[in-house]
Protein backbone atom coordinates (compact mmCIF):
# COMPACT_ATOMS: atom_id res chain seq x y z
CA MET A 1 -23.41 -2.69 9.24
CA PRO A 2 -23.60 -5.70 6.91
CA GLU A 3 -22.87 -5.15 3.23
CA GLY A 4 -26.02 -4.78 1.12
CA LEU A 5 -26.66 -6.59 -2.16
CA ARG A 6 -26.06 -3.44 -4.22
CA GLU A 7 -22.73 -2.74 -2.52
CA ARG A 8 -21.64 -6.36 -2.88
CA LYS A 9 -22.43 -6.39 -6.60
CA LYS A 10 -20.51 -3.14 -7.10
CA ARG A 11 -17.52 -4.54 -5.23
CA GLN A 12 -17.62 -7.74 -7.27
CA THR A 13 -17.86 -5.80 -10.53
CA ARG A 14 -14.94 -3.60 -9.54
CA ARG A 15 -12.84 -6.64 -8.64
CA ARG A 16 -13.74 -8.43 -11.88
CA ILE A 17 -12.74 -5.42 -13.99
CA SER A 18 -9.46 -5.07 -12.10
CA ASP A 19 -8.64 -8.78 -12.38
CA VAL A 20 -9.42 -8.84 -16.11
CA ALA A 21 -7.31 -5.73 -16.66
CA LEU A 22 -4.35 -7.18 -14.76
CA GLY A 23 -4.52 -10.34 -16.84
CA LEU A 24 -4.45 -8.33 -20.05
CA PHE A 25 -1.67 -6.06 -18.84
CA VAL A 26 0.49 -9.01 -17.80
CA ALA A 27 -0.09 -10.75 -21.15
CA HIS A 28 0.31 -7.74 -23.44
CA GLY A 29 2.01 -5.00 -21.40
CA PHE A 30 0.40 -2.03 -19.70
CA ASP A 31 0.87 0.24 -22.71
CA GLY A 32 -0.33 -2.44 -25.10
CA VAL A 33 -3.89 -2.57 -23.74
CA THR A 34 -6.59 0.08 -24.02
CA ILE A 35 -9.48 0.81 -21.68
CA ALA A 36 -11.81 -0.25 -24.49
CA GLN A 37 -10.13 -3.66 -24.62
CA VAL A 38 -10.44 -4.02 -20.86
CA ALA A 39 -14.13 -3.17 -21.04
CA GLU A 40 -14.73 -5.66 -23.83
CA ALA A 41 -12.92 -8.46 -22.01
CA ALA A 42 -14.77 -7.70 -18.75
CA GLU A 43 -18.09 -7.51 -20.65
CA VAL A 44 -18.89 -3.99 -19.48
CA SER A 45 -19.00 -0.61 -21.17
CA VAL A 46 -16.09 1.82 -21.27
CA ASN A 47 -18.19 4.21 -19.16
CA THR A 48 -18.61 1.49 -16.53
CA VAL A 49 -14.83 1.07 -16.31
CA TYR A 50 -14.45 4.81 -15.76
CA ASN A 51 -17.24 4.77 -13.18
CA TYR A 52 -15.04 2.49 -11.06
CA PHE A 53 -11.56 3.69 -12.05
CA SER A 54 -10.72 7.30 -12.84
CA CYS A 55 -7.66 6.41 -14.95
CA LYS A 56 -5.90 3.40 -16.43
CA GLU A 57 -3.24 3.36 -13.69
CA GLU A 58 -5.93 2.79 -11.03
CA LEU A 59 -6.70 -0.59 -12.61
CA VAL A 60 -3.28 -1.70 -11.34
CA LEU A 61 -3.01 0.59 -8.32
CA PRO A 62 -6.57 1.07 -7.02
CA PRO A 63 -6.86 3.82 -4.37
CA GLU A 64 -8.19 1.46 -1.71
CA GLU A 65 -5.04 -0.67 -2.03
CA ALA A 66 -2.53 2.02 -2.99
CA SER A 67 -3.74 4.97 -0.95
CA PRO A 68 -1.59 8.01 -0.16
CA GLN A 69 -3.22 7.81 3.27
CA ARG A 70 -2.05 4.24 3.98
CA LEU A 71 0.62 5.10 6.57
CA ALA A 72 -1.39 7.97 8.04
CA ASP A 73 -4.42 5.69 8.46
CA ILE A 74 -2.34 2.98 10.14
CA VAL A 75 -1.06 5.53 12.64
CA ARG A 76 -4.49 7.08 13.20
CA GLN A 77 -5.94 3.65 14.02
CA ARG A 78 -3.23 2.56 16.47
CA PRO A 79 -4.35 1.55 19.97
CA VAL A 80 -3.54 3.34 23.21
CA GLY A 81 0.06 2.77 24.28
CA GLN A 82 1.42 2.17 20.78
CA SER A 83 3.82 4.52 19.01
CA ALA A 84 3.58 5.59 15.37
CA VAL A 85 6.41 3.37 14.16
CA GLY A 86 5.15 0.52 16.34
CA ALA A 87 1.79 0.69 14.58
CA VAL A 88 3.38 0.46 11.14
CA LEU A 89 5.67 -2.41 12.14
CA THR A 90 2.72 -4.30 13.62
CA ARG A 91 0.60 -3.83 10.48
CA LEU A 92 3.43 -4.90 8.19
CA ARG A 93 4.06 -8.03 10.26
CA ASP A 94 0.35 -8.89 10.17
CA GLU A 95 0.21 -8.41 6.38
CA VAL A 96 3.36 -10.46 5.83
CA ARG A 97 2.11 -13.32 8.01
CA GLY A 98 -1.23 -13.24 6.19
CA ARG A 99 0.43 -13.23 2.73
CA ASP A 100 -1.58 -10.08 2.12
CA ARG A 101 -2.07 -8.64 -1.35
CA ALA A 102 -1.21 -5.25 0.18
CA VAL A 103 2.45 -6.24 0.45
CA GLY A 104 2.65 -8.14 -2.82
CA LEU A 105 2.60 -11.67 -1.42
CA SER A 106 -0.44 -12.85 -3.37
CA ALA A 107 -0.22 -15.48 -6.10
CA GLY A 108 1.00 -14.22 -9.46
CA PHE A 109 2.56 -11.03 -8.11
CA GLY A 110 5.86 -11.73 -9.84
CA ARG A 111 4.42 -11.29 -13.33
CA VAL A 112 2.46 -8.23 -12.21
CA LEU A 113 5.67 -6.73 -10.84
CA GLU A 114 7.49 -7.30 -14.14
CA MET A 115 4.64 -5.59 -15.99
CA MET A 116 4.69 -2.61 -13.63
CA ARG A 117 8.44 -2.16 -13.90
CA ALA A 118 8.13 -2.04 -17.69
CA ALA A 119 5.55 0.78 -17.57
CA PRO A 120 7.05 4.25 -16.92
CA THR A 121 3.73 5.74 -15.84
CA LEU A 122 3.27 3.04 -13.20
CA THR A 123 6.79 3.32 -11.81
CA ALA A 124 6.36 7.10 -11.66
CA ARG A 125 3.06 6.66 -9.84
CA LEU A 126 4.70 4.38 -7.30
CA GLU A 127 7.37 6.99 -6.61
CA ASP A 128 4.74 9.69 -6.22
CA LEU A 129 2.72 7.42 -3.95
CA GLY A 130 5.64 6.86 -1.61
CA ARG A 131 6.21 10.59 -1.30
CA GLU A 132 2.51 11.28 -0.75
CA MET A 133 2.33 8.64 2.00
CA THR A 134 5.25 10.23 3.82
CA GLU A 135 3.82 13.74 3.51
CA ALA A 136 0.39 12.65 4.76
CA LEU A 137 1.97 10.84 7.70
CA ALA A 138 4.06 13.90 8.62
CA LEU A 139 0.89 16.00 8.83
CA VAL A 140 -0.78 13.48 11.16
CA LEU A 141 2.28 13.27 13.40
CA ALA A 142 2.57 17.05 13.61
CA GLU A 143 -1.11 17.38 14.47
CA GLU A 144 -1.10 14.63 17.09
CA THR A 145 2.07 15.81 18.83
CA GLY A 146 1.19 19.50 18.66
CA ALA A 147 4.47 20.25 16.90
CA GLU A 148 5.22 23.78 15.79
CA ARG A 149 4.92 24.48 12.09
CA ASP A 150 8.69 24.65 11.56
CA ASP A 151 9.51 21.67 13.79
CA PRO A 152 11.38 19.15 11.59
CA LEU A 153 10.77 16.18 13.90
CA PRO A 154 7.40 15.00 12.48
CA ARG A 155 8.82 15.11 8.96
CA ALA A 156 11.98 13.30 10.02
CA VAL A 157 10.03 10.54 11.76
CA ALA A 158 7.64 10.24 8.82
CA TRP A 159 10.62 9.91 6.47
CA GLN A 160 12.08 7.12 8.60
CA ILE A 161 8.77 5.26 8.65
CA GLY A 162 8.26 5.82 4.93
CA SER A 163 11.74 4.48 4.23
CA LEU A 164 11.24 1.27 6.20
CA HIS A 165 7.88 0.80 4.50
CA ALA A 166 9.51 1.24 1.09
CA LEU A 167 12.31 -1.17 2.01
CA VAL A 168 9.81 -3.93 2.70
CA TYR A 169 8.27 -3.50 -0.75
CA ALA A 170 11.69 -3.34 -2.40
CA GLU A 171 12.63 -6.60 -0.68
CA VAL A 172 9.41 -8.25 -1.85
CA GLY A 173 10.21 -7.15 -5.39
CA ARG A 174 13.83 -8.33 -5.25
CA ARG A 175 12.99 -11.74 -3.84
CA THR A 176 9.96 -12.22 -6.12
CA THR A 177 12.12 -11.49 -9.15
CA ALA A 178 14.66 -14.02 -7.86
CA GLY A 179 11.93 -16.65 -7.87
CA GLU A 180 11.62 -17.22 -4.11
CA SER A 181 8.44 -18.74 -2.74
CA ALA A 182 5.90 -16.72 -0.76
CA ASP A 183 6.82 -18.70 2.36
CA ALA A 184 10.50 -17.90 1.97
CA ILE A 185 9.80 -14.24 1.28
CA SER A 186 7.49 -14.00 4.27
CA ALA A 187 10.10 -15.50 6.60
CA ALA A 188 12.77 -13.14 5.25
CA LEU A 189 10.54 -10.12 5.65
CA LEU A 190 9.71 -10.94 9.25
CA GLU A 191 13.43 -11.19 9.96
CA LEU A 192 13.99 -7.89 8.15
CA LEU A 193 11.32 -6.17 10.25
CA ASP A 194 12.90 -7.48 13.43
CA THR A 195 16.28 -6.15 12.27
CA ILE A 196 14.81 -2.75 11.42
CA GLU A 197 13.22 -2.50 14.84
CA THR A 198 16.50 -3.26 16.61
CA LEU A 199 18.23 -0.54 14.60
CA LEU A 200 15.70 2.18 15.39
CA GLY A 201 16.61 4.50 18.23
CA GLU A 202 14.60 4.97 21.39
CA ARG A 203 13.42 8.40 20.29
CA ILE A 204 11.60 7.16 17.21
CA LEU A 205 10.39 3.97 18.91
CA THR A 206 8.66 6.05 21.58
CA TYR A 207 7.58 8.94 19.36
CA ALA A 208 3.86 9.75 19.21
CA VAL A 209 2.70 7.06 21.62
CA ARG A 210 -1.09 7.20 21.74
CA LYS A 211 -2.27 8.26 25.18
CA ASP A 212 -6.01 8.41 24.55
CA ALA A 213 -8.34 6.40 22.38
CA PRO A 214 -9.29 8.20 19.12
CA CYS A 215 -12.72 9.82 19.10
CA SER A 216 -15.34 7.97 17.09
CA GLU A 217 -16.93 9.85 14.25
């Protein structure tokens, strides 16, 4: 269904607030800017900021871009014949080729990364987010494969997938800090993903292959 005018205006307002906040955080540090200052710079009220973002950290890590369900959703949406890890590798390759904001390949990410690394609450949130993604993925894998409650395999596979996912982001951060271009980083990441895939064993590469199309809601 096409996006309505009201929804489009809300999305644009949310994006404007987030972009203004990021600019302020990069210039003055995450801890050096208040929500009131963000609201003033974005020309909205403090209540409006909180209507779109439940906390200050969400201005940098909005739920739709930094969701604990990211890996689980990728696996849920995979096509028939694709395994869980295959789905994640495919999505990461697509995002890398598209210089997607989701993997930190958008313009200006280097300064945003420096700001995030200097803010303890943001680095802690990133660590929590990685753990939450892995836990959510483990639940999906256990449900889809019909694993027993005490079966460690879904958790082990989820940990492997979560680790490769985290490695990609760590590599983006390392190369961005080193001043490499987006093109160079993208090429290096695609090579890294190919290397990861060759190192994965047959058991994980063929684990949780989708046999039937997911039911529509």
